[in-house]
Amino acid sequence: MNKILKLMTAVIMVLTAVTFTACKKTFDNPPGPADPAIVANTSIAALKAMHTSSGAYNVITTDIIISGVVVADDKSGNLYKQLYIEDATGGLQILLDATNLYGTYPVGRRIFIRCNGLCISDYNGTMELGVKATVAGLPSIEGIPGGLIDRYVVGGSINNPVVPHVVTLAQLTTGMQDKYLGSLIQLDGFAFTNLNTTYSDTSAYKSTVNLDIRNCAGQTIIVRTSAYANFAAQQVAQGRGSIYAIYTTFGTTKQLILRSADDVKFTDPYACPLPPGTVFFQDFETIGANNGTLSLAGWKNIGETGGVSYQNAVFGSVKCAKVTAFGTGASTVSSWLITPAISLTGTTAPKLTFLQAAGFATGATVLQVLVSTNYAGSNTPSTSTWTSIYSNTATTPTSGFGTLTSIGNLNLTPWIGQTIYIAFKYDGGDPTKTTTYEFDDVKVTAN
C-alpha cells in the first residue's frame, strides 16, 4: 500500500511539473506597424524636379505617391508643424498643420504620401510639400490641415534605420535641386566659433538664432535654432567633432537645423591640430562680442595695475585682441595677456610671429613681448622673471587705426628644451599714454 501511494505521488508531481512547464510561455511584444499595401510610384527627387522656379506653387494633379523615412520630427521643438523625410534619392520637408507629430510620425517611421492635390514649392530655396492657400490675398504654401492629414499621409513601418550622409561643406550647394537639401547630413571637424553662448535666444523675445560653426580649414556654416527648442538655453558644445543636422538653405546661405542637442557630437579637443612646424597658434576666432573682456582657455588676462583688461576686438570678419588705457581714468596701467605653457622641447630654431596694429597713438605707451620660464599663473606676473624680446612705442597713427602688420621672427632659441610663457605687456595711463594696441595670429614655429 505504501508503495502504491508513493507511486501515485510521484506521478502527480511529474504531471504538475509538466503542466507548469507547458504554461511557462515567452510572450513576444506585439509587432509594430507594417507598411501598407501602397506602392510609391515616384521618387522624392522626381517630385522635387517638378518645381524648377523659386517662389512658384506647383499643384500636383496626378496620382503621384512618394514614400520616405522620417529623419527629423518635432520632438525637441526645433521644428514646428513639419517633418523631413528621405528616400534613396533625396530629402523633403513636409508641412502638416498639427503639433506633436513625433507621436505618430517619429524618426525612423516610413510614411507614404498621396500627392494629388498637394503643392510643391520652396521657402527661399528649400523645398516644401504642403497645400496651396491664399494668405492676406497672396498665394502661399501651408501645412496640410490636421483633419485632412490621414487622407494624404499613411504611416508605415517603424524603427527603420536613419543614417546621416557624411559630406564635406564643398559638397553642399544652394541649388534647389541639391540632393542633400532636406536630408540628414553629417559634417566632421567643426566647432562653434563662439563658445560663450547658448543655442538660441533665452529672452522674452524668443528670436531664432544663427550661430557659426567652423572647421580647421576656416570654412563656416550656420546652425539655426528656434528659441522654442527644448535645448535653446543650453550652452553650446565646447569641443570639436561631428554634427548631424538637416541641411537647408535661405537663398544663397547654407544652414543646418538640429533635431536635438544630442546631434552635436563635439567631443574632441577644441583646438585644431597644428600643421607641421607649428608649435603654438592662436587666431582669436573664438572670442566673444566686441569690447567684451577677452577670455581664452589657458590664457591669463591680468590688469595688474589699473585694473585694465585686454578686450575682444571684432571688426566684421576680423577678430583679435586689443588693449587701451583710454577712458579708464587709471593714471598707471600695467596689463598682461599671457599664453598657456608652450614646450620648446625637441625644437630647432623656434621663433615667434604675430600681427600688430596701433591706433590713436600718443607716443608714450609701450607694448612689450616677454618670455618667462618660471611664471606659475599668479595674478601678479611682475613678480616672475621675464625677458623682453620685443618693444614698441607707437607714434602713428594719431587718429584712427593702422593695419595689422606682421611682427617677427622673434628669436626663441635661448629657451630650446624648456617650457615657456609668452606675455604681451601693455604699459600706459590715462590721459597721456592711451595708445590702443591690437594683435592677432600669435604663432610659434620651429624647424
Protein backbone atom coordinates (compact mmCIF):
# COMPACT_ATOMS: atom_id res chain seq x y z
CA MET A 1 0.00 0.00 0.00
CA ASN A 2 2.78 2.44 0.84
CA LYS A 3 4.44 1.60 -2.49
CA ILE A 4 1.22 2.42 -4.37
CA LEU A 5 0.86 5.79 -2.57
CA LYS A 6 4.45 6.65 -3.30
CA LEU A 7 3.98 5.79 -6.97
CA MET A 8 0.80 7.90 -7.24
CA THR A 9 2.52 10.84 -5.55
CA ALA A 10 5.43 10.68 -7.99
CA VAL A 11 3.08 10.57 -10.98
CA ILE A 12 1.17 13.62 -9.70
CA MET A 13 4.39 15.54 -9.19
CA VAL A 14 5.58 14.79 -12.73
CA LEU A 15 2.25 15.81 -14.24
CA THR A 16 2.24 19.03 -12.21
CA ALA A 17 5.75 19.88 -13.36
CA VAL A 18 4.80 19.25 -16.98
CA THR A 19 1.69 21.39 -16.59
CA PHE A 20 3.59 24.33 -15.14
CA THR A 21 6.33 23.97 -17.72
CA ALA A 22 3.80 23.98 -20.50
CA CYS A 23 2.19 27.14 -19.13
CA LYS A 24 5.52 28.97 -18.87
CA LYS A 25 5.49 30.64 -22.31
CA THR A 26 7.54 33.53 -23.62
CA PHE A 27 5.20 36.22 -24.95
CA ASP A 28 6.70 38.37 -27.70
CA ASN A 29 5.94 42.06 -27.89
CA PRO A 30 3.23 42.79 -30.42
CA PRO A 31 4.68 43.54 -33.83
CA GLY A 32 4.97 47.19 -34.85
CA PRO A 33 3.03 48.68 -37.72
CA ALA A 34 3.73 47.19 -41.10
CA ASP A 35 3.98 49.02 -44.38
CA PRO A 36 0.55 49.41 -46.01
CA ALA A 37 -0.38 47.93 -49.36
CA ILE A 38 0.64 51.13 -51.11
CA VAL A 39 3.34 51.40 -53.75
CA ALA A 40 5.34 54.59 -54.23
CA ASN A 41 5.37 55.38 -57.96
CA THR A 42 7.60 58.48 -57.83
CA SER A 43 10.85 59.28 -56.05
CA ILE A 44 11.39 62.36 -53.93
CA ALA A 45 13.95 63.62 -56.43
CA ALA A 46 11.44 63.28 -59.28
CA LEU A 47 8.81 65.13 -57.27
CA LYS A 48 11.23 67.96 -56.49
CA ALA A 49 12.17 68.15 -60.17
CA MET A 50 8.61 69.33 -60.87
CA HIS A 51 9.46 72.59 -59.07
CA THR A 52 12.06 74.49 -61.07
CA SER A 53 11.20 78.14 -60.44
CA SER A 54 11.82 79.52 -56.94
CA GLY A 55 8.68 81.03 -55.48
CA ALA A 56 6.32 79.16 -57.80
CA TYR A 57 3.45 76.99 -56.50
CA ASN A 58 3.21 73.75 -58.41
CA VAL A 59 -0.05 71.98 -57.60
CA ILE A 60 0.09 68.25 -58.27
CA THR A 61 -2.82 66.97 -60.38
CA THR A 62 -1.81 63.35 -60.95
CA ASP A 63 -1.84 60.30 -58.70
CA ILE A 64 1.74 60.61 -57.57
CA ILE A 65 2.73 58.65 -54.46
CA ILE A 66 6.05 59.08 -52.68
CA SER A 67 7.47 57.20 -49.73
CA GLY A 68 10.21 58.11 -47.30
CA VAL A 69 11.54 57.54 -43.82
CA VAL A 70 11.17 60.33 -41.26
CA VAL A 71 14.66 61.66 -40.49
CA ALA A 72 13.59 64.67 -38.37
CA ASP A 73 10.48 65.31 -36.29
CA ASP A 74 9.20 67.97 -33.89
CA LYS A 75 10.06 66.25 -30.62
CA SER A 76 12.63 68.84 -29.46
CA GLY A 77 10.57 71.84 -30.57
CA ASN A 78 13.20 72.97 -33.07
CA LEU A 79 10.81 72.02 -35.86
CA TYR A 80 7.19 73.19 -35.78
CA LYS A 81 4.39 71.54 -37.73
CA GLN A 82 6.82 69.89 -40.10
CA LEU A 83 8.76 66.72 -40.74
CA TYR A 84 11.67 65.84 -43.00
CA ILE A 85 11.60 62.56 -44.89
CA GLU A 86 14.13 60.83 -47.15
CA ASP A 87 14.22 58.13 -49.74
CA ALA A 88 17.24 56.89 -51.69
CA THR A 89 17.12 59.94 -53.97
CA GLY A 90 16.88 62.84 -51.52
CA GLY A 91 15.06 64.59 -48.69
CA LEU A 92 11.97 66.78 -48.45
CA GLN A 93 10.22 68.97 -45.90
CA ILE A 94 6.59 68.00 -45.24
CA LEU A 95 4.25 70.68 -43.84
CA LEU A 96 1.49 69.36 -41.55
CA ASP A 97 -0.86 71.66 -39.63
CA ALA A 98 -0.63 69.68 -36.39
CA THR A 99 1.64 69.51 -33.35
CA ASN A 100 3.30 66.63 -31.51
CA LEU A 101 3.82 64.93 -34.83
CA TYR A 102 6.59 62.77 -33.35
CA GLY A 103 3.95 60.73 -31.53
CA THR A 104 2.54 59.47 -34.83
CA TYR A 105 5.47 60.01 -37.19
CA PRO A 106 8.66 59.55 -35.16
CA VAL A 107 12.12 59.43 -36.63
CA GLY A 108 12.52 56.07 -38.31
CA ARG A 109 8.91 55.64 -39.42
CA ARG A 110 8.21 55.13 -43.11
CA ILE A 111 5.35 57.18 -44.47
CA PHE A 112 3.54 57.20 -47.78
CA ILE A 113 2.13 60.43 -49.21
CA ARG A 114 -0.60 60.64 -51.84
CA CYS A 115 0.42 63.86 -53.55
CA ASN A 116 -2.58 64.52 -55.82
CA GLY A 117 -3.98 67.88 -54.71
CA LEU A 118 -0.89 68.89 -52.75
CA CYS A 119 1.57 71.62 -53.71
CA ILE A 120 5.35 71.57 -54.11
CA SER A 121 7.07 74.91 -53.56
CA ASP A 122 10.07 76.34 -51.74
CA TYR A 123 10.91 78.77 -48.97
CA ASN A 124 13.95 80.71 -50.14
CA GLY A 125 15.31 77.66 -51.90
CA THR A 126 14.37 74.85 -49.51
CA MET A 127 11.66 72.59 -50.99
CA GLU A 128 8.35 72.11 -49.16
CA LEU A 129 5.33 69.87 -49.73
CA GLY A 130 2.01 71.17 -48.43
CA VAL A 131 -1.19 72.75 -49.72
CA LYS A 132 -1.58 75.89 -51.75
CA ALA A 133 -3.51 78.62 -49.95
CA THR A 134 -4.21 82.33 -50.09
CA VAL A 135 -2.96 84.36 -47.16
CA ALA A 136 -3.65 88.10 -46.98
CA GLY A 137 -4.63 87.99 -50.63
CA LEU A 138 -1.36 86.37 -51.74
CA PRO A 139 -0.59 82.77 -52.72
CA SER A 140 1.15 80.71 -50.08
CA ILE A 141 2.07 77.15 -49.19
CA GLU A 142 0.67 75.97 -45.87
CA GLY A 143 0.57 72.76 -43.84
CA ILE A 144 -1.87 70.01 -44.75
CA PRO A 145 -4.89 70.72 -42.47
CA GLY A 146 -4.99 68.48 -39.43
CA GLY A 147 -8.34 66.96 -40.40
CA LEU A 148 -7.02 66.01 -43.84
CA ILE A 149 -3.63 64.56 -42.91
CA ASP A 150 -4.92 60.97 -42.95
CA ARG A 151 -6.24 61.48 -46.48
CA TYR A 152 -2.77 62.22 -47.77
CA VAL A 153 -0.31 60.68 -45.30
CA VAL A 154 -0.26 56.99 -44.41
CA GLY A 155 2.05 55.66 -41.73
CA GLY A 156 4.03 52.50 -42.26
CA SER A 157 6.75 50.53 -40.50
CA ILE A 158 8.73 51.97 -37.60
CA ASN A 159 12.34 51.80 -36.46
CA ASN A 160 13.75 51.96 -39.95
CA PRO A 161 17.47 52.85 -39.89
CA VAL A 162 18.29 56.55 -40.11
CA VAL A 163 21.92 57.22 -41.03
CA PRO A 164 23.26 60.68 -41.92
CA HIS A 165 25.07 61.32 -45.18
CA VAL A 166 28.73 62.05 -44.41
CA VAL A 167 29.64 65.04 -46.58
CA THR A 168 32.03 67.95 -46.81
CA LEU A 169 30.93 71.55 -46.90
CA ALA A 170 32.08 71.78 -50.51
CA GLN A 171 29.60 69.07 -51.49
CA LEU A 172 26.65 71.18 -50.32
CA THR A 173 25.30 73.61 -52.89
CA THR A 174 22.49 76.15 -52.70
CA GLY A 175 20.67 74.98 -55.83
CA MET A 176 17.08 73.92 -55.16
CA GLN A 177 17.72 70.50 -56.66
CA ASP A 178 20.75 69.77 -54.49
CA LYS A 179 20.39 66.14 -53.49
CA TYR A 180 21.30 66.85 -49.86
CA LEU A 181 18.75 69.64 -49.31
CA GLY A 182 16.18 68.47 -46.78
CA SER A 183 18.33 65.46 -45.88
CA LEU A 184 20.11 64.43 -42.70
CA ILE A 185 23.84 65.08 -43.16
CA GLN A 186 27.00 64.76 -41.11
CA LEU A 187 29.87 67.25 -41.13
CA ASP A 188 33.12 66.40 -39.36
CA GLY A 189 35.80 68.51 -37.69
CA PHE A 190 33.64 71.51 -36.78
CA ALA A 191 33.29 73.62 -33.63
CA PHE A 192 31.28 76.66 -32.58
CA THR A 193 33.17 79.90 -33.18
CA ASN A 194 31.61 81.45 -30.05
CA LEU A 195 31.71 79.17 -27.03
CA ASN A 196 30.24 81.72 -24.63
CA THR A 197 26.66 81.47 -25.78
CA THR A 198 23.57 79.26 -25.76
CA TYR A 199 21.99 77.52 -28.71
CA SER A 200 19.24 80.12 -29.02
CA ASP A 201 17.54 83.17 -27.54
CA THR A 202 16.57 82.83 -23.89
CA SER A 203 14.92 86.24 -23.61
CA ALA A 204 11.22 87.02 -23.75
CA TYR A 205 11.59 87.93 -27.42
CA LYS A 206 12.07 84.28 -28.44
CA SER A 207 14.10 85.06 -31.55
CA THR A 208 15.57 82.30 -33.67
CA VAL A 209 19.39 82.43 -33.52
CA ASN A 210 22.06 81.72 -36.12
CA LEU A 211 25.41 80.50 -34.80
CA ASP A 212 28.53 79.86 -36.87
CA ILE A 213 30.46 76.63 -36.72
CA ARG A 214 33.90 76.44 -38.28
CA ASN A 215 36.32 73.74 -39.34
CA CYS A 216 40.09 73.84 -39.23
CA ALA A 217 40.22 74.91 -42.87
CA GLY A 218 38.39 78.12 -41.92
CA GLN A 219 35.08 77.12 -43.57
CA THR A 220 31.90 78.16 -41.76
CA ILE A 221 28.22 77.28 -41.88
CA ILE A 222 25.22 78.47 -39.86
CA VAL A 223 23.43 76.40 -37.22
CA ARG A 224 19.92 77.86 -36.93
CA THR A 225 17.97 77.14 -33.73
CA SER A 226 14.48 78.14 -32.62
CA ALA A 227 14.07 79.78 -29.22
CA TYR A 228 11.29 77.23 -28.62
CA ALA A 229 13.66 74.27 -28.88
CA ASN A 230 13.94 72.44 -25.57
CA PHE A 231 17.73 72.87 -25.73
CA ALA A 232 17.67 76.61 -26.53
CA ALA A 233 19.08 77.57 -23.13
CA GLN A 234 21.92 75.02 -23.16
CA GLN A 235 25.44 76.31 -23.58
CA VAL A 236 26.83 75.27 -26.93
CA ALA A 237 29.12 72.25 -27.06
CA GLN A 238 32.65 73.23 -26.09
CA GLY A 239 34.70 70.83 -28.20
CA ARG A 240 35.16 69.93 -31.83
CA GLY A 241 33.83 67.00 -33.81
CA SER A 242 30.87 65.81 -35.87
CA ILE A 243 27.44 67.36 -36.25
CA TYR A 244 24.25 65.73 -37.55
CA ALA A 245 21.66 68.12 -38.97
CA ILE A 246 19.08 68.73 -41.67
CA TYR A 247 20.66 70.71 -44.49
CA THR A 248 18.59 73.71 -45.65
CA THR A 249 19.23 76.98 -47.43
CA PHE A 250 18.00 80.54 -47.19
CA GLY A 251 18.73 81.98 -50.59
CA THR A 252 22.46 81.52 -51.04
CA THR A 253 23.09 80.92 -47.33
CA LYS A 254 23.73 77.36 -46.18
CA GLN A 255 22.02 76.41 -42.91
CA LEU A 256 21.85 73.45 -40.55
CA ILE A 257 18.80 72.54 -38.45
CA LEU A 258 19.42 70.38 -35.40
CA ARG A 259 16.98 67.69 -34.32
CA SER A 260 18.29 67.91 -30.74
CA ALA A 261 21.43 68.93 -28.88
CA ASP A 262 22.48 65.27 -28.99
CA ASP A 263 23.20 65.73 -32.69
CA VAL A 264 26.17 67.93 -31.78
CA LYS A 265 28.96 65.46 -31.11
CA PHE A 266 31.76 67.93 -30.40
CA THR A 267 33.70 65.71 -28.01
CA ASP A 268 37.24 66.16 -29.37
CA PRO A 269 39.61 68.90 -28.14
CA TYR A 270 38.60 72.31 -29.41
CA ALA A 271 41.99 73.33 -30.78
CA CYS A 272 42.72 72.40 -34.36
CA PRO A 273 45.68 70.08 -34.92
CA LEU A 274 48.72 72.21 -35.59
CA PRO A 275 50.39 71.88 -39.01
CA PRO A 276 53.94 70.52 -39.16
CA GLY A 277 56.43 73.05 -37.88
CA THR A 278 53.86 74.95 -35.78
CA VAL A 279 54.34 74.67 -32.03
CA PHE A 280 51.61 77.09 -30.91
CA PHE A 281 48.93 79.15 -32.64
CA GLN A 282 46.11 81.45 -31.57
CA ASP A 283 43.92 83.29 -34.09
CA PHE A 284 41.33 84.68 -31.61
CA GLU A 285 38.47 83.39 -33.76
CA THR A 286 36.60 82.06 -30.70
CA ILE A 287 36.38 85.34 -28.80
CA GLY A 288 33.05 86.87 -27.84
CA ALA A 289 31.39 90.16 -28.69
CA ASN A 290 33.32 93.33 -29.44
CA ASN A 291 34.60 95.19 -26.34
CA GLY A 292 33.93 92.23 -24.05
CA THR A 293 36.70 91.06 -21.73
CA LEU A 294 38.98 88.69 -23.61
CA SER A 295 38.69 85.12 -22.34
CA LEU A 296 40.62 82.22 -23.90
CA ALA A 297 41.19 78.76 -22.48
CA GLY A 298 44.62 78.57 -20.84
CA TRP A 299 45.41 82.26 -21.28
CA LYS A 300 45.75 84.73 -18.40
CA ASN A 301 44.29 88.24 -18.81
CA ILE A 302 45.51 90.35 -15.90
CA GLY A 303 45.09 94.05 -15.17
CA GLU A 304 47.89 94.04 -12.60
CA THR A 305 47.96 97.81 -12.19
CA GLY A 306 44.99 99.98 -13.01
CA GLY A 307 42.60 97.06 -13.47
CA VAL A 308 42.58 97.34 -17.28
CA SER A 309 41.99 94.03 -19.07
CA TYR A 310 42.54 93.07 -22.68
CA GLN A 311 39.33 93.13 -24.71
CA ASN A 312 37.77 91.45 -27.71
CA ALA A 313 38.18 93.38 -30.96
CA VAL A 314 35.65 92.38 -33.64
CA PHE A 315 35.55 94.31 -36.90
CA GLY A 316 33.48 92.48 -39.49
CA SER A 317 35.21 89.18 -40.13
CA VAL A 318 38.37 90.22 -38.25
CA LYS A 319 38.72 89.08 -34.64
CA CYS A 320 41.73 89.94 -32.49
CA ALA A 321 42.84 91.17 -29.05
CA LYS A 322 43.05 94.82 -28.04
CA VAL A 323 44.05 96.91 -25.05
CA THR A 324 43.95 100.62 -24.20
CA ALA A 325 44.09 102.89 -21.19
CA PHE A 326 41.83 105.45 -22.90
CA GLY A 327 38.77 106.35 -20.88
CA THR A 328 39.71 104.17 -17.94
CA GLY A 329 40.69 107.01 -15.60
CA ALA A 330 43.65 104.92 -14.39
CA SER A 331 46.81 107.05 -14.25
CA THR A 332 49.05 103.97 -14.33
CA VAL A 333 48.15 100.89 -16.31
CA SER A 334 50.08 97.63 -16.48
CA SER A 335 48.14 94.91 -18.30
CA TRP A 336 49.27 91.38 -19.16
CA LEU A 337 47.99 88.82 -21.64
CA ILE A 338 49.91 85.57 -21.15
CA THR A 339 49.84 82.44 -23.28
CA PRO A 340 49.40 78.92 -21.94
CA ALA A 341 52.60 76.96 -21.38
CA ILE A 342 54.49 76.33 -24.64
CA SER A 343 57.03 73.48 -24.77
CA LEU A 344 60.13 74.04 -26.89
CA THR A 345 61.50 70.57 -26.17
CA GLY A 346 62.90 68.97 -29.30
CA THR A 347 62.57 72.15 -31.39
CA THR A 348 65.12 73.70 -33.70
CA ALA A 349 65.29 77.45 -34.36
CA PRO A 350 61.96 78.32 -32.69
CA LYS A 351 60.58 81.78 -33.37
CA LEU A 352 57.53 83.92 -32.59
CA THR A 353 55.44 85.89 -35.06
CA PHE A 354 52.22 87.87 -34.64
CA LEU A 355 50.22 90.65 -36.25
CA GLN A 356 50.12 94.09 -34.61
CA ALA A 357 48.27 97.36 -35.17
CA ALA A 358 48.22 100.63 -33.23
CA GLY A 359 45.51 103.26 -33.06
CA PHE A 360 45.13 106.81 -31.71
CA ALA A 361 48.81 106.79 -30.83
CA THR A 362 50.05 109.17 -28.13
CA GLY A 363 53.75 108.26 -28.46
CA ALA A 364 54.31 107.24 -24.86
CA THR A 365 52.53 103.92 -24.45
CA VAL A 366 54.67 100.79 -24.58
CA LEU A 367 53.79 97.28 -25.71
CA GLN A 368 56.34 94.61 -24.84
CA VAL A 369 56.60 90.92 -25.60
CA LEU A 370 58.31 88.97 -22.83
CA VAL A 371 59.27 85.36 -22.13
CA SER A 372 59.31 83.56 -18.77
CA THR A 373 60.16 80.06 -17.65
CA ASN A 374 59.11 80.46 -14.02
CA TYR A 375 55.70 82.14 -14.30
CA ALA A 376 53.32 79.98 -12.26
CA GLY A 377 49.97 81.50 -13.17
CA SER A 378 49.67 84.13 -10.45
CA ASN A 379 47.78 87.42 -10.86
CA THR A 380 51.00 89.30 -10.08
CA PRO A 381 53.12 88.30 -13.09
CA SER A 382 55.62 91.09 -12.45
CA THR A 383 56.99 89.00 -9.56
CA SER A 384 58.19 86.35 -12.05
CA THR A 385 61.32 86.59 -14.18
CA TRP A 386 60.71 87.91 -17.70
CA THR A 387 62.99 88.59 -20.66
CA SER A 388 61.91 91.18 -23.21
CA ILE A 389 62.22 90.13 -26.85
CA TYR A 390 60.23 92.98 -28.41
CA SER A 391 59.15 96.51 -27.51
CA ASN A 392 57.11 99.09 -29.39
CA THR A 393 56.14 102.69 -28.69
CA ALA A 394 53.78 103.70 -31.47
CA THR A 395 53.66 107.32 -32.62
CA THR A 396 51.28 106.83 -35.53
CA PRO A 397 48.51 106.92 -36.47
CA THR A 398 47.32 109.66 -34.16
CA SER A 399 43.77 109.29 -35.47
CA GLY A 400 42.09 106.03 -36.37
CA PHE A 401 43.81 102.66 -36.62
CA GLY A 402 46.67 101.30 -38.64
CA THR A 403 46.51 97.92 -40.37
CA LEU A 404 47.56 94.65 -38.76
CA THR A 405 51.22 94.16 -39.72
CA SER A 406 53.41 91.09 -39.26
CA ILE A 407 55.93 91.26 -36.42
CA GLY A 408 58.73 88.67 -36.31
CA ASN A 409 60.59 86.48 -36.50
CA LEU A 410 61.36 86.91 -32.80
CA ASN A 411 64.10 84.53 -31.68
CA LEU A 412 63.17 81.92 -29.08
CA THR A 413 66.34 79.84 -29.45
CA PRO A 414 67.62 80.64 -25.89
CA TRP A 415 64.70 78.62 -24.50
CA ILE A 416 65.08 75.43 -26.55
CA GLY A 417 64.33 72.41 -24.37
CA GLN A 418 62.30 74.48 -21.88
CA THR A 419 58.65 75.30 -21.27
CA ILE A 420 57.93 78.99 -21.69
CA TYR A 421 55.17 81.54 -21.29
CA ILE A 422 54.88 84.49 -23.65
CA ALA A 423 53.36 87.73 -22.35
CA PHE A 424 52.02 90.78 -24.16
CA LYS A 425 52.53 93.56 -21.60
CA TYR A 426 50.91 96.97 -22.02
CA ASP A 427 52.23 99.97 -20.04
CA GLY A 428 50.17 103.14 -20.28
CA GLY A 429 47.97 105.51 -18.35
CA ASP A 430 45.10 107.94 -18.81
CA PRO A 431 45.18 110.68 -20.11
CA THR A 432 48.58 110.91 -21.85
CA LYS A 433 49.58 107.27 -22.54
CA THR A 434 46.48 105.79 -24.11
CA THR A 435 47.55 104.26 -27.44
CA THR A 436 45.35 101.32 -28.43
CA TYR A 437 47.15 98.14 -29.47
CA GLU A 438 45.62 95.25 -31.36
CA PHE A 439 47.27 91.94 -32.19
CA ASP A 440 46.33 88.69 -33.87
CA ASP A 441 47.65 85.32 -35.14
CA VAL A 442 50.17 84.61 -32.38
CA LYS A 443 52.32 81.77 -33.70
CA VAL A 444 55.41 79.89 -32.53
CA THR A 445 57.11 77.85 -35.23
CA ALA A 446 60.22 75.71 -35.38
CA ASN A 447 62.20 73.72 -37.92
